[in-house]
PDB file of N, CA and C in Angstrom:
ATOM      1  N   MET A   1      -7.287  94.241  76.531  1.00  0.00           N
ATOM      2  CA  MET A   1      -8.192  93.189  76.320  1.00  0.00           C
ATOM      3  C   MET A   1      -7.630  92.150  75.255  1.00  0.00           C
ATOM      4  N   SER A   2      -6.865  92.671  74.282  1.00  0.00           N
ATOM      5  CA  SER A   2      -6.672  91.860  73.344  1.00  0.00           C
ATOM      6  C   SER A   2      -5.625  90.820  73.665  1.00  0.00           C
ATOM      7  N   ARG A   3      -4.956  91.324  74.756  1.00  0.00           N
ATOM      8  CA  ARG A   3      -3.976  90.203  75.143  1.00  0.00           C
ATOM      9  C   ARG A   3      -4.615  89.175  76.014  1.00  0.00           C
ATOM     10  N   VAL A   4      -5.451  89.272  76.820  1.00  0.00           N
ATOM     11  CA  VAL A   4      -6.265  88.739  77.842  1.00  0.00           C
ATOM     12  C   VAL A   4      -7.306  87.916  76.631  1.00  0.00           C
ATOM     13  N   ALA A   5      -7.814  88.310  75.460  1.00  0.00           N
ATOM     14  CA  ALA A   5      -8.427  87.105  74.695  1.00  0.00           C
ATOM     15  C   ALA A   5      -7.366  86.237  73.994  1.00  0.00           C
ATOM     16  N   LEU A   6      -6.368  86.886  73.513  1.00  0.00           N
ATOM     17  CA  LEU A   6      -5.326  86.098  73.360  1.00  0.00           C
ATOM     18  C   LEU A   6      -4.857  84.715  74.221  1.00  0.00           C
ATOM     19  N   PHE A   7      -4.589  85.196  75.142  1.00  0.00           N
ATOM     20  CA  PHE A   7      -4.132  84.332  76.531  1.00  0.00           C
ATOM     21  C   PHE A   7      -5.071  83.343  76.502  1.00  0.00           C
ATOM     22  N   ALA A   8      -6.525  83.718  76.793  1.00  0.00           N
ATOM     23  CA  ALA A   8      -7.583  82.579  76.615  1.00  0.00           C
ATOM     24  C   ALA A   8      -7.661  81.672  75.760  1.00  0.00           C
ATOM     25  N   ALA A   9      -7.767  82.299  74.570  1.00  0.00           N
ATOM     26  CA  ALA A   9      -8.002  81.286  73.292  1.00  0.00           C
ATOM     27  C   ALA A   9      -6.638  80.330  73.175  1.00  0.00           C
ATOM     28  N   VAL A  10      -5.357  80.850  73.436  1.00  0.00           N
ATOM     29  CA  VAL A  10      -4.156  79.848  73.351  1.00  0.00           C
ATOM     30  C   VAL A  10      -4.588  78.755  74.577  1.00  0.00           C
ATOM     31  N   ILE A  11      -4.668  79.007  75.754  1.00  0.00           N
ATOM     32  CA  ILE A  11      -4.972  78.083  76.746  1.00  0.00           C
ATOM     33  C   ILE A  11      -6.268  77.398  76.541  1.00  0.00           C
ATOM     34  N   VAL A  12      -7.224  77.556  75.753  1.00  0.00           N
ATOM     35  CA  VAL A  12      -8.468  77.061  75.434  1.00  0.00           C
ATOM     36  C   VAL A  12      -7.909  75.886  74.470  1.00  0.00           C
ATOM     37  N   GLY A  13      -7.042  76.456  73.566  1.00  0.00           N
ATOM     38  CA  GLY A  13      -6.835  75.882  72.208  1.00  0.00           C
ATOM     39  C   GLY A  13      -6.141  74.399  72.701  1.00  0.00           C
ATOM     40  N   LEU A  14      -5.099  75.114  73.847  1.00  0.00           N
ATOM     41  CA  LEU A  14      -4.304  73.976  74.152  1.00  0.00           C
ATOM     42  C   LEU A  14      -4.769  72.829  74.955  1.00  0.00           C
ATOM     43  N   ALA A  15      -5.949  73.120  75.681  1.00  0.00           N
ATOM     44  CA  ALA A  15      -6.959  72.403  76.610  1.00  0.00           C
ATOM     45  C   ALA A  15      -7.343  71.240  75.628  1.00  0.00           C
ATOM     46  N   VAL A  16      -7.953  71.879  74.680  1.00  0.00           N
ATOM     47  CA  VAL A  16      -8.903  71.092  73.832  1.00  0.00           C
ATOM     48  C   VAL A  16      -7.571  70.039  72.858  1.00  0.00           C
ATOM     49  N   ALA A  17      -6.591  70.832  72.634  1.00  0.00           N
ATOM     50  CA  ALA A  17      -5.738  69.732  71.758  1.00  0.00           C
ATOM     51  C   ALA A  17      -5.061  68.780  73.069  1.00  0.00           C
ATOM     52  N   GLY A  18      -4.913  68.848  73.961  1.00  0.00           N
ATOM     53  CA  GLY A  18      -4.690  67.846  75.146  1.00  0.00           C
ATOM     54  C   GLY A  18      -6.012  66.724  75.132  1.00  0.00           C
ATOM     55  N   TRP A  19      -7.223  67.323  75.411  1.00  0.00           N
ATOM     56  CA  TRP A  19      -8.406  66.586  75.336  1.00  0.00           C
ATOM     57  C   TRP A  19      -8.519  65.306  74.012  1.00  0.00           C
ATOM     58  N   HIS A  20      -8.254  65.935  72.824  1.00  0.00           N
ATOM     59  CA  HIS A  20      -8.116  65.297  71.377  1.00  0.00           C
ATOM     60  C   HIS A  20      -6.913  64.121  71.640  1.00  0.00           C
ATOM     61  N   THR A  21      -5.614  64.565  72.059  1.00  0.00           N
ATOM     62  CA  THR A  21      -4.529  63.638  72.210  1.00  0.00           C
ATOM     63  C   THR A  21      -4.943  62.485  72.983  1.00  0.00           C
ATOM     64  N   THR A  22      -5.622  62.838  73.957  1.00  0.00           N
ATOM     65  CA  THR A  22      -6.424  61.744  74.787  1.00  0.00           C
ATOM     66  C   THR A  22      -7.141  60.793  74.470  1.00  0.00           C
ATOM     67  N   VAL A  23      -8.152  61.394  73.670  1.00  0.00           N
ATOM     68  CA  VAL A  23      -9.233  60.756  72.760  1.00  0.00           C
ATOM     69  C   VAL A  23      -8.289  60.057  71.661  1.00  0.00           C
ATOM     70  N   ALA A  24      -7.476  60.516  71.050  1.00  0.00           N
ATOM     71  CA  ALA A  24      -6.435  59.696  69.966  1.00  0.00           C
ATOM     72  C   ALA A  24      -5.806  58.725  70.671  1.00  0.00           C
ATOM     73  N   MET A  25      -5.129  58.498  71.536  1.00  0.00           N
ATOM     74  CA  MET A  25      -4.558  57.994  72.046  1.00  0.00           C
ATOM     75  C   MET A  25      -5.484  56.354  72.347  1.00  0.00           C
ATOM     76  N   GLN A  26      -6.450  56.600  72.969  1.00  0.00           N
ATOM     77  CA  GLN A  26      -7.014  55.457  73.198  1.00  0.00           C
ATOM     78  C   GLN A  26      -7.831  55.224  71.966  1.00  0.00           C
ATOM     79  N   ALA A  27      -7.803  55.702  71.171  1.00  0.00           N
ATOM     80  CA  ALA A  27      -8.360  55.021  69.662  1.00  0.00           C
ATOM     81  C   ALA A  27      -7.399  54.175  69.248  1.00  0.00           C
ATOM     82  N   MET A  28      -6.162  54.792  68.996  1.00  0.00           N
ATOM     83  CA  MET A  28      -4.823  54.041  68.477  1.00  0.00           C
ATOM     84  C   MET A  28      -4.641  52.720  69.243  1.00  0.00           C
ATOM     85  N   PHE A  29      -5.268  52.469  70.639  1.00  0.00           N
ATOM     86  CA  PHE A  29      -4.851  51.356  71.304  1.00  0.00           C
ATOM     87  C   PHE A  29      -5.813  50.484  70.547  1.00  0.00           C
ATOM     88  N   VAL A  30      -6.908  50.767  69.927  1.00  0.00           N
ATOM     89  CA  VAL A  30      -7.813  49.453  69.411  1.00  0.00           C
ATOM     90  C   VAL A  30      -7.759  49.335  67.985  1.00  0.00           C
ATOM     91  N   PHE A  31      -6.462  50.220  67.230  1.00  0.00           N
ATOM     92  CA  PHE A  31      -6.298  50.116  65.814  1.00  0.00           C
ATOM     93  C   PHE A  31      -5.742  48.651  65.884  1.00  0.00           C
ATOM     94  N   ARG A  32      -5.861  47.967  64.571  1.00  0.00           N
ATOM     95  CA  ARG A  32      -5.810  46.748  63.943  1.00  0.00           C
ATOM     96  C   ARG A  32      -4.453  46.964  63.216  1.00  0.00           C
ATOM     97  N   GLU A  33      -3.736  45.651  62.931  1.00  0.00           N
ATOM     98  CA  GLU A  33      -2.861  45.662  62.116  1.00  0.00           C
ATOM     99  C   GLU A  33      -2.931  46.251  60.680  1.00  0.00           C
ATOM    100  N   ASN A  34      -2.112  46.824  60.006  1.00  0.00           N
ATOM    101  CA  ASN A  34      -2.329  47.675  58.805  1.00  0.00           C
ATOM    102  C   ASN A  34      -3.572  48.628  58.926  1.00  0.00           C
ATOM    103  N   GLU A  35      -3.417  49.193  59.863  1.00  0.00           N
ATOM    104  CA  GLU A  35      -4.594  50.309  59.786  1.00  0.00           C
ATOM    105  C   GLU A  35      -4.721  51.244  58.929  1.00  0.00           C
ATOM    106  N   PRO A  36      -5.729  51.887  58.105  1.00  0.00           N
ATOM    107  CA  PRO A  36      -5.344  52.339  56.932  1.00  0.00           C
ATOM    108  C   PRO A  36      -4.955  53.898  57.726  1.00  0.00           C
ATOM    109  N   LEU A  37      -4.320  54.531  56.530  1.00  0.00           N
ATOM    110  CA  LEU A  37      -3.317  55.905  56.591  1.00  0.00           C
ATOM    111  C   LEU A  37      -4.786  56.995  57.134  1.00  0.00           C
ATOM    112  N   THR A  38      -5.765  56.735  56.326  1.00  0.00           N
ATOM    113  CA  THR A  38      -7.170  57.880  56.940  1.00  0.00           C
ATOM    114  C   THR A  38      -7.107  57.680  58.508  1.00  0.00           C
ATOM    115  N   SER A  39      -7.286  56.409  58.914  1.00  0.00           N
ATOM    116  CA  SER A  39      -7.500  56.574  60.590  1.00  0.00           C
ATOM    117  C   SER A  39      -6.524  57.669  61.178  1.00  0.00           C
ATOM    118  N   TRP A  40      -4.972  57.127  60.952  1.00  0.00           N
ATOM    119  CA  TRP A  40      -3.954  58.044  61.599  1.00  0.00           C
ATOM    120  C   TRP A  40      -4.255  59.420  61.134  1.00  0.00           C
ATOM    121  N   LEU A  41      -4.586  59.751  59.921  1.00  0.00           N
ATOM    122  CA  LEU A  41      -5.099  61.231  59.419  1.00  0.00           C
ATOM    123  C   LEU A  41      -6.435  61.674  60.326  1.00  0.00           C
ATOM    124  N   ALA A  42      -7.162  60.882  60.775  1.00  0.00           N
ATOM    125  CA  ALA A  42      -8.299  61.740  61.029  1.00  0.00           C
ATOM    126  C   ALA A  42      -8.034  61.721  62.677  1.00  0.00           C
ATOM    127  N   LEU A  43      -6.695  61.350  63.256  1.00  0.00           N
ATOM    128  CA  LEU A  43      -6.633  61.749  64.675  1.00  0.00           C
ATOM    129  C   LEU A  43      -5.589  62.518  64.960  1.00  0.00           C
ATOM    130  N   VAL A  44      -4.279  62.269  64.102  1.00  0.00           N
ATOM    131  CA  VAL A  44      -3.069  63.038  64.691  1.00  0.00           C
ATOM    132  C   VAL A  44      -3.033  64.357  64.408  1.00  0.00           C
ATOM    133  N   PRO A  45      -3.845  65.132  62.974  1.00  0.00           N
ATOM    134  CA  PRO A  45      -3.459  66.270  63.031  1.00  0.00           C
ATOM    135  C   PRO A  45      -3.857  67.401  63.874  1.00  0.00           C
ATOM    136  N   THR A  46      -5.279  67.393  64.344  1.00  0.00           N
ATOM    137  CA  THR A  46      -5.991  67.936  64.834  1.00  0.00           C
ATOM    138  C   THR A  46      -5.423  68.279  66.473  1.00  0.00           C
ATOM    139  N   PRO A  47      -5.107  67.418  66.778  1.00  0.00           N
ATOM    140  CA  PRO A  47      -4.120  67.846  68.272  1.00  0.00           C
ATOM    141  C   PRO A  47      -2.961  68.708  68.032  1.00  0.00           C
ATOM    142  N   LEU A  48      -2.005  68.152  67.041  1.00  0.00           N
ATOM    143  CA  LEU A  48      -0.725  68.185  66.615  1.00  0.00           C
ATOM    144  C   LEU A  48      -0.611  69.632  66.203  1.00  0.00           C
ATOM    145  N   LEU A  49      -1.332  70.008  65.197  1.00  0.00           N
ATOM    146  CA  LEU A  49      -1.492  71.206  64.342  1.00  0.00           C
ATOM    147  C   LEU A  49      -2.515  72.262  65.443  1.00  0.00           C
ATOM    148  N   THR A  50      -3.218  72.156  66.332  1.00  0.00           N
ATOM    149  CA  THR A  50      -3.654  72.649  67.228  1.00  0.00           C
ATOM    150  C   THR A  50      -2.747  73.282  68.155  1.00  0.00           C
ATOM    151  N   VAL A  51      -1.876  72.594  68.586  1.00  0.00           N
ATOM    152  CA  VAL A  51      -0.847  72.723  69.332  1.00  0.00           C
ATOM    153  C   VAL A  51       0.096  73.854  68.977  1.00  0.00           C
ATOM    154  N   ILE A  52       0.344  73.312  67.428  1.00  0.00           N
ATOM    155  CA  ILE A  52       1.358  74.216  66.850  1.00  0.00           C
ATOM    156  C   ILE A  52       0.877  75.532  66.417  1.00  0.00           C
ATOM    157  N   GLY A  53      -0.180  75.777  66.086  1.00  0.00           N
ATOM    158  CA  GLY A  53      -0.925  76.816  66.139  1.00  0.00           C
ATOM    159  C   GLY A  53      -1.186  77.765  67.152  1.00  0.00           C
ATOM    160  N   CYS A  54      -1.453  77.294  68.310  1.00  0.00           N
ATOM    161  CA  CYS A  54      -1.402  78.002  69.654  1.00  0.00           C
ATOM    162  C   CYS A  54      -0.473  78.897  69.691  1.00  0.00           C
ATOM    163  N   ILE A  55       0.533  77.916  69.464  1.00  0.00           N
ATOM    164  CA  ILE A  55       2.043  78.630  69.837  1.00  0.00           C
ATOM    165  C   ILE A  55       2.174  79.622  68.764  1.00  0.00           C
ATOM    166  N   VAL A  56       2.076  79.175  67.612  1.00  0.00           N
ATOM    167  CA  VAL A  56       2.576  80.177  66.291  1.00  0.00           C
ATOM    168  C   VAL A  56       1.748  81.770  66.701  1.00  0.00           C
ATOM    169  N   ALA A  57       0.436  81.556  67.226  1.00  0.00           N
ATOM    170  CA  ALA A  57      -0.726  82.522  67.242  1.00  0.00           C
ATOM    171  C   ALA A  57      -0.305  83.165  68.390  1.00  0.00           C
ATOM    172  N   VAL A  58       0.655  83.182  69.321  1.00  0.00           N
ATOM    173  CA  VAL A  58       1.193  84.346  70.199  1.00  0.00           C
ATOM    174  C   VAL A  58       2.024  85.635  69.460  1.00  0.00           C
ATOM    175  N   SER A  59       2.465  85.151  68.902  1.00  0.00           N
ATOM    176  CA  SER A  59       3.480  86.233  67.851  1.00  0.00           C
ATOM    177  C   SER A  59       2.516  86.560  66.252  1.00  0.00           C
ATOM    178  N   HIS A  60       2.150  85.658  65.756  1.00  0.00           N
ATOM    179  CA  HIS A  60       1.312  85.427  64.132  1.00  0.00           C
ATOM    180  C   HIS A  60       0.050  84.871  64.244  1.00  0.00           C
ATOM    181  N   ARG A  61      -0.806  85.918  65.060  1.00  0.00           N
ATOM    182  CA  ARG A  61      -2.306  85.558  65.257  1.00  0.00           C
ATOM    183  C   ARG A  61      -3.193  84.636  63.924  1.00  0.00           C
ATOM    184  N   LEU A  62      -2.810  85.381  62.681  1.00  0.00           N
ATOM    185  CA  LEU A  62      -3.439  84.755  61.677  1.00  0.00           C
ATOM    186  C   LEU A  62      -2.490  83.585  61.173  1.00  0.00           C
ATOM    187  N   ALA A  63      -1.416  83.368  60.919  1.00  0.00           N
ATOM    188  CA  ALA A  63      -0.814  82.044  60.739  1.00  0.00           C
ATOM    189  C   ALA A  63      -1.324  80.899  61.684  1.00  0.00           C
ATOM    190  N   GLY A  64      -1.376  81.416  62.825  1.00  0.00           N
ATOM    191  CA  GLY A  64      -1.922  80.166  63.878  1.00  0.00           C
ATOM    192  C   GLY A  64      -3.089  79.802  63.727  1.00  0.00           C
ATOM    193  N   GLY A  65      -4.051  80.844  63.806  1.00  0.00           N
ATOM    194  CA  GLY A  65      -5.506  80.273  63.197  1.00  0.00           C
ATOM    195  C   GLY A  65      -5.375  79.630  62.077  1.00  0.00           C
ATOM    196  N   ILE A  66      -4.941  79.896  60.862  1.00  0.00           N
ATOM    197  CA  ILE A  66      -5.097  78.938  59.758  1.00  0.00           C
ATOM    198  C   ILE A  66      -4.136  77.900  59.668  1.00  0.00           C
ATOM    199  N   THR A  67      -3.505  77.754  60.680  1.00  0.00           N
ATOM    200  CA  THR A  67      -2.614  76.376  60.966  1.00  0.00           C
ATOM    201  C   THR A  67      -3.659  75.504  61.812  1.00  0.00           C
ATOM    202  N   VAL A  68      -4.431  75.658  62.743  1.00  0.00           N
ATOM    203  CA  VAL A  68      -4.847  75.638  63.580  1.00  0.00           C
ATOM    204  C   VAL A  68      -6.312  74.820  62.682  1.00  0.00           C
ATOM    205  N   ILE A  69      -7.011  75.532  61.976  1.00  0.00           N
ATOM    206  CA  ILE A  69      -8.204  75.275  61.295  1.00  0.00           C
ATOM    207  C   ILE A  69      -7.812  74.268  59.698  1.00  0.00           C
ATOM    208  N   ALA A  70      -6.261  74.229  59.240  1.00  0.00           N
ATOM    209  CA  ALA A  70      -5.797  73.362  58.398  1.00  0.00           C
ATOM    210  C   ALA A  70      -6.127  71.716  59.153  1.00  0.00           C
ATOM    211  N   GLY A  71      -5.466  71.788  60.193  1.00  0.00           N
ATOM    212  CA  GLY A  71      -5.509  70.561  61.005  1.00  0.00           C
ATOM    213  C   GLY A  71      -6.767  69.910  61.161  1.00  0.00           C
ATOM    214  N   ALA A  72      -7.830  70.809  61.809  1.00  0.00           N
ATOM    215  CA  ALA A  72      -9.244  70.307  61.678  1.00  0.00           C
ATOM    216  C   ALA A  72      -9.835  69.916  60.315  1.00  0.00           C
ATOM    217  N   LEU A  73      -9.686  70.758  59.152  1.00  0.00           N
ATOM    218  CA  LEU A  73      -9.952  70.244  58.050  1.00  0.00           C
ATOM    219  C   LEU A  73      -9.381  68.887  57.380  1.00  0.00           C
ATOM    220  N   ILE A  74      -7.898  69.153  57.537  1.00  0.00           N
ATOM    221  CA  ILE A  74      -7.256  67.484  56.939  1.00  0.00           C
ATOM    222  C   ILE A  74      -7.797  66.501  57.927  1.00  0.00           C
ATOM    223  N   ALA A  75      -8.062  66.525  59.253  1.00  0.00           N
ATOM    224  CA  ALA A  75      -8.735  65.411  59.865  1.00  0.00           C
ATOM    225  C   ALA A  75     -10.141  65.192  59.414  1.00  0.00           C
ATOM    226  N   ALA A  76     -10.839  65.928  59.159  1.00  0.00           N
ATOM    227  CA  ALA A  76     -12.327  65.532  58.831  1.00  0.00           C
ATOM    228  C   ALA A  76     -12.757  65.095  57.533  1.00  0.00           C
ATOM    229  N   VAL A  77     -11.583  65.788  56.596  1.00  0.00           N
ATOM    230  CA  VAL A  77     -11.373  64.654  55.326  1.00  0.00           C
ATOM    231  C   VAL A  77     -11.062  63.418  55.354  1.00  0.00           C
ATOM    232  N   ALA A  78      -9.737  63.116  55.942  1.00  0.00           N
ATOM    233  CA  ALA A  78      -9.439  61.929  56.191  1.00  0.00           C
ATOM    234  C   ALA A  78     -10.866  61.117  56.780  1.00  0.00           C
ATOM    235  N   PHE A  79     -11.293  61.733  57.631  1.00  0.00           N
ATOM    236  CA  PHE A  79     -12.367  60.705  58.457  1.00  0.00           C
ATOM    237  C   PHE A  79     -13.462  60.621  57.602  1.00  0.00           C
ATOM    238  N   LEU A  80     -13.522  61.385  56.681  1.00  0.00           N
ATOM    239  CA  LEU A  80     -15.101  61.150  55.746  1.00  0.00           C
ATOM    240  C   LEU A  80     -14.545  60.189  54.591  1.00  0.00           C
ATOM    241  N   VAL A  81     -13.379  60.465  54.100  1.00  0.00           N
ATOM    242  CA  VAL A  81     -12.587  59.141  53.100  1.00  0.00           C
ATOM    243  C   VAL A  81     -12.608  57.817  53.873  1.00  0.00           C
ATOM    244  N   GLY A  82     -12.063  57.834  55.078  1.00  0.00           N
ATOM    245  CA  GLY A  82     -11.959  56.695  55.885  1.00  0.00           C
ATOM    246  C   GLY A  82     -13.585  55.887  56.074  1.00  0.00           C
ATOM    247  N   GLU A  83     -14.469  56.666  55.866  1.00  0.00           N
ATOM    248  CA  GLU A  83     -15.554  55.954  56.419  1.00  0.00           C
ATOM    249  C   GLU A  83     -16.366  55.745  55.317  1.00  0.00           C
ATOM    250  N   GLY A  84     -15.454  55.849  54.052  1.00  0.00           N
ATOM    251  CA  GLY A  84     -15.929  55.363  52.819  1.00  0.00           C
ATOM    252  C   GLY A  84     -17.558  55.370  52.345  1.00  0.00           C
ATOM    253  N   GLY A  85     -17.838  57.135  52.714  1.00  0.00           N
ATOM    254  CA  GLY A  85     -18.987  57.582  52.363  1.00  0.00           C
ATOM    255  C   GLY A  85     -20.132  57.269  53.252  1.00  0.00           C
ATOM    256  N   ILE A  86     -20.155  56.377  54.423  1.00  0.00           N
ATOM    257  CA  ILE A  86     -21.047  56.104  55.471  1.00  0.00           C
ATOM    258  C   ILE A  86     -20.947  57.258  56.482  1.00  0.00           C
ATOM    259  N   THR A  87     -21.758  58.111  56.522  1.00  0.00           N
ATOM    260  CA  THR A  87     -22.017  59.384  57.354  1.00  0.00           C
ATOM    261  C   THR A  87     -22.802  59.194  59.008  1.00  0.00           C
ATOM    262  N   GLU A  88     -22.793  58.066  59.183  1.00  0.00           N
ATOM    263  CA  GLU A  88     -23.154  57.668  60.333  1.00  0.00           C
ATOM    264  C   GLU A  88     -22.666  58.421  61.345  1.00  0.00           C
ATOM    265  N   HIS A  89     -21.287  58.350  61.387  1.00  0.00           N
ATOM    266  CA  HIS A  89     -20.350  58.772  62.657  1.00  0.00           C
ATOM    267  C   HIS A  89     -20.008  60.140  62.089  1.00  0.00           C
ATOM    268  N   LEU A  90     -20.303  60.899  61.259  1.00  0.00           N
ATOM    269  CA  LEU A  90     -19.534  62.076  60.948  1.00  0.00           C
ATOM    270  C   LEU A  90     -19.965  63.121  61.599  1.00  0.00           C
ATOM    271  N   THR A  91     -21.026  63.000  61.664  1.00  0.00           N
ATOM    272  CA  THR A  91     -21.657  64.436  62.499  1.00  0.00           C
ATOM    273  C   THR A  91     -20.820  64.489  64.249  1.00  0.00           C
ATOM    274  N   PRO A  92     -21.242  63.118  64.772  1.00  0.00           N
ATOM    275  CA  PRO A  92     -20.338  63.188  66.155  1.00  0.00           C
ATOM    276  C   PRO A  92     -18.713  63.587  65.928  1.00  0.00           C
ATOM    277  N   TYR A  93     -18.315  63.142  64.901  1.00  0.00           N
ATOM    278  CA  TYR A  93     -16.975  63.604  64.835  1.00  0.00           C
ATOM    279  C   TYR A  93     -16.576  65.020  64.694  1.00  0.00           C
ATOM    280  N   LEU A  94     -17.311  65.533  63.809  1.00  0.00           N
ATOM    281  CA  LEU A  94     -17.204  66.837  63.184  1.00  0.00           C
ATOM    282  C   LEU A  94     -17.860  67.950  64.745  1.00  0.00           C
ATOM    283  N   LEU A  95     -18.979  67.451  65.722  1.00  0.00           N
ATOM    284  CA  LEU A  95     -18.863  68.023  66.667  1.00  0.00           C
ATOM    285  C   LEU A  95     -18.113  67.967  67.838  1.00  0.00           C
ATOM    286  N   THR A  96     -17.413  67.120  67.710  1.00  0.00           N
ATOM    287  CA  THR A  96     -16.177  66.612  68.833  1.00  0.00           C
ATOM    288  C   THR A  96     -15.015  67.033  68.349  1.00  0.00           C
ATOM    289  N   PHE A  97     -14.203  66.930  67.205  1.00  0.00           N
ATOM    290  CA  PHE A  97     -13.159  67.492  67.247  1.00  0.00           C
ATOM    291  C   PHE A  97     -13.157  68.542  65.939  1.00  0.00           C
ATOM    292  N   THR A  98     -13.969  68.617  64.854  1.00  0.00           N
ATOM    293  CA  THR A  98     -13.738  69.837  63.998  1.00  0.00           C
ATOM    294  C   THR A  98     -14.123  71.006  64.681  1.00  0.00           C
ATOM    295  N   ALA A  99     -15.565  70.949  65.151  1.00  0.00           N
ATOM    296  CA  ALA A  99     -15.976  72.395  65.420  1.00  0.00           C
ATOM    297  C   ALA A  99     -15.385  73.109  66.368  1.00  0.00           C
ATOM    298  N   PRO A 100     -14.827  72.387  67.500  1.00  0.00           N
ATOM    299  CA  PRO A 100     -14.154  73.091  68.449  1.00  0.00           C
ATOM    300  C   PRO A 100     -12.932  74.186  68.010  1.00  0.00           C
ATOM    301  N   VAL A 101     -12.232  73.120  67.235  1.00  0.00           N
ATOM    302  CA  VAL A 101     -10.700  73.481  66.684  1.00  0.00           C
ATOM    303  C   VAL A 101     -11.021  74.648  65.673  1.00  0.00           C
ATOM    304  N   VAL A 102     -12.058  74.592  64.951  1.00  0.00           N
ATOM    305  CA  VAL A 102     -12.345  75.568  64.150  1.00  0.00           C
ATOM    306  C   VAL A 102     -12.508  77.015  64.533  1.00  0.00           C
ATOM    307  N   VAL A 103     -13.617  76.899  65.959  1.00  0.00           N
ATOM    308  CA  VAL A 103     -14.210  77.872  66.736  1.00  0.00           C
ATOM    309  C   VAL A 103     -12.676  78.792  67.161  1.00  0.00           C
ATOM    310  N   ILE A 104     -11.824  77.833  67.460  1.00  0.00           N
ATOM    311  CA  ILE A 104     -10.396  78.578  68.253  1.00  0.00           C
ATOM    312  C   ILE A 104      -9.509  79.259  67.034  1.00  0.00           C
ATOM    313  N   GLY A 105      -9.654  78.376  65.890  1.00  0.00           N
ATOM    314  CA  GLY A 105      -8.967  79.087  64.712  1.00  0.00           C
ATOM    315  C   GLY A 105      -9.324  80.505  64.313  1.00  0.00           C
ATOM    316  N   VAL A 106     -10.754  80.611  64.273  1.00  0.00           N
ATOM    317  CA  VAL A 106     -11.535  81.868  63.904  1.00  0.00           C
ATOM    318  C   VAL A 106     -11.403  82.713  64.935  1.00  0.00           C
ATOM    319  N   ALA A 107     -11.405  82.457  66.037  1.00  0.00           N
ATOM    320  CA  ALA A 107     -10.950  83.316  67.481  1.00  0.00           C
ATOM    321  C   ALA A 107      -9.791  83.880  67.108  1.00  0.00           C
ATOM    322  N   LEU A 108      -8.694  83.207  66.700  1.00  0.00           N
ATOM    323  CA  LEU A 108      -7.178  83.463  66.638  1.00  0.00           C
ATOM    324  C   LEU A 108      -7.030  84.449  65.440  1.00  0.00           C
ATOM    325  N   ILE A 109      -7.951  84.421  64.538  1.00  0.00           N
ATOM    326  CA  ILE A 109      -7.749  85.200  63.432  1.00  0.00           C
ATOM    327  C   ILE A 109      -8.261  86.381  63.540  1.00  0.00           C
ATOM    328  N   LEU A 110      -9.402  86.512  64.134  1.00  0.00           N
ATOM    329  CA  LEU A 110     -10.194  87.595  64.564  1.00  0.00           C
ATOM    330  C   LEU A 110      -9.298  88.263  65.502  1.00  0.00           C
ATOM    331  N   LEU A 111      -8.805  88.069  66.290  1.00  0.00           N
ATOM    332  CA  LEU A 111      -7.766  88.435  67.411  1.00  0.00           C
ATOM    333  C   LEU A 111      -6.512  89.314  66.591  1.00  0.00           C
ATOM    334  N   GLY A 112      -6.069  88.934  65.507  1.00  0.00           N
ATOM    335  CA  GLY A 112      -5.178  88.947  64.826  1.00  0.00           C
ATOM    336  C   GLY A 112      -5.332  90.503  63.870  1.00  0.00           C
ATOM    337  N   ARG A 113      -6.784  90.742  63.791  1.00  0.00           N
ATOM    338  CA  ARG A 113      -7.145  91.756  62.951  1.00  0.00           C
ATOM    339  C   ARG A 113      -6.779  93.233  63.529  1.00  0.00           C
ATOM    340  N   PRO A 114      -6.646  94.228  62.992  1.00  0.00           N
ATOM    341  CA  PRO A 114      -6.451  95.312  63.422  1.00  0.00           C
ATOM    342  C   PRO A 114      -7.350  95.915  64.367  1.00  0.00           C
ATOM    343  N   THR A 115      -7.103  96.712  65.367  1.00  0.00           N
ATOM    344  CA  THR A 115      -8.446  97.249  65.944  1.00  0.00           C
ATOM    345  C   THR A 115      -8.560  98.605  65.137  1.00  0.00           C
ATOM    346  N   PRO A 116      -9.638  99.121  64.918  1.00  0.00           N
ATOM    347  CA  PRO A 116      -9.925 100.098  64.180  1.00  0.00           C
ATOM    348  C   PRO A 116      -9.479 101.394  64.952  1.00  0.00           C
ATOM    349  N   ILE A 117      -9.070 102.589  64.449  1.00  0.00           N
ATOM    350  CA  ILE A 117      -8.684 103.386  65.341  1.00  0.00           C
ATOM    351  C   ILE A 117      -9.673 104.640  65.420  1.00  0.00           C
ATOM    352  N   ARG A 118     -10.200 104.788  66.975  1.00  0.00           N
ATOM    353  CA  ARG A 118     -11.298 105.848  67.070  1.00  0.00           C
ATOM    354  C   ARG A 118     -10.698 107.154  67.077  1.00  0.00           C
ATOM    355  N   THR A 119     -11.249 108.040  66.405  1.00  0.00           N
ATOM    356  CA  THR A 119     -11.229 109.358  66.362  1.00  0.00           C
ATOM    357  C   THR A 119     -12.560 110.482  66.779  1.00  0.00           C
ATOM    358  N   THR A 120     -11.960 111.297  67.250  1.00  0.00           N
ATOM    359  CA  THR A 120     -13.024 111.984  67.363  1.00  0.00           C
ATOM    360  C   THR A 120     -13.271 113.359  66.831  1.00  0.00           C
ATOM    361  N   HIS A 121     -14.582 113.562  66.084  1.00  0.00           N
ATOM    362  CA  HIS A 121     -14.766 114.857  65.486  1.00  0.00           C
ATOM    363  C   HIS A 121     -14.671 116.302  66.281  1.00  0.00           C
ATOM    364  N   ALA A 122     -13.996 117.219  66.136  1.00  0.00           N
ATOM    365  CA  ALA A 122     -14.378 118.323  66.453  1.00  0.00           C
ATOM    366  C   ALA A 122     -15.050 119.145  65.947  1.00  0.00           C
ATOM    367  N   THR A 123     -16.347 119.777  66.558  1.00  0.00           N
ATOM    368  CA  THR A 123     -17.369 120.306  66.051  1.00  0.00           C
ATOM    369  C   THR A 123     -17.210 121.703  66.136  1.00  0.00           C
TER     370      THR A 123
END
C-alpha cells in the first residue's frame, strides 16, 4: 500500500509541477525589462523544487518532502515581499501555488514515517 501511495504522490507532484511550470512560463512572457528578483523567486522555485523533491522522495521520502515544502515557502515569501505588503493577490497565489505543493510535501513526509509493528498478545 505504501508504494502505491508513494507512486500516486510522486505522479501528482510531477503533474502539479508541470502545471506550475506552464503558468510560470506564461507569466515570464509578460515580464518587463529589469523584472525584480522577487518575481523570479515567486515563479521558479515551486515547480523546480517540486520535481527535484519528488525524484528524491522515491528513495528518501523525508528529504523529498522537505525539499518540496521549501520550494513552496521560498516562493510564497518572495511573492509576499514582491507585492510590497499588498495582500490582494496573496490568497489566490497561496491557494494556487503554495497549498497544493505543501500538501504533496506533507504526504511525502508522512509516507516516509515507519509503519508501526503490529503485535498480537497471547492470552
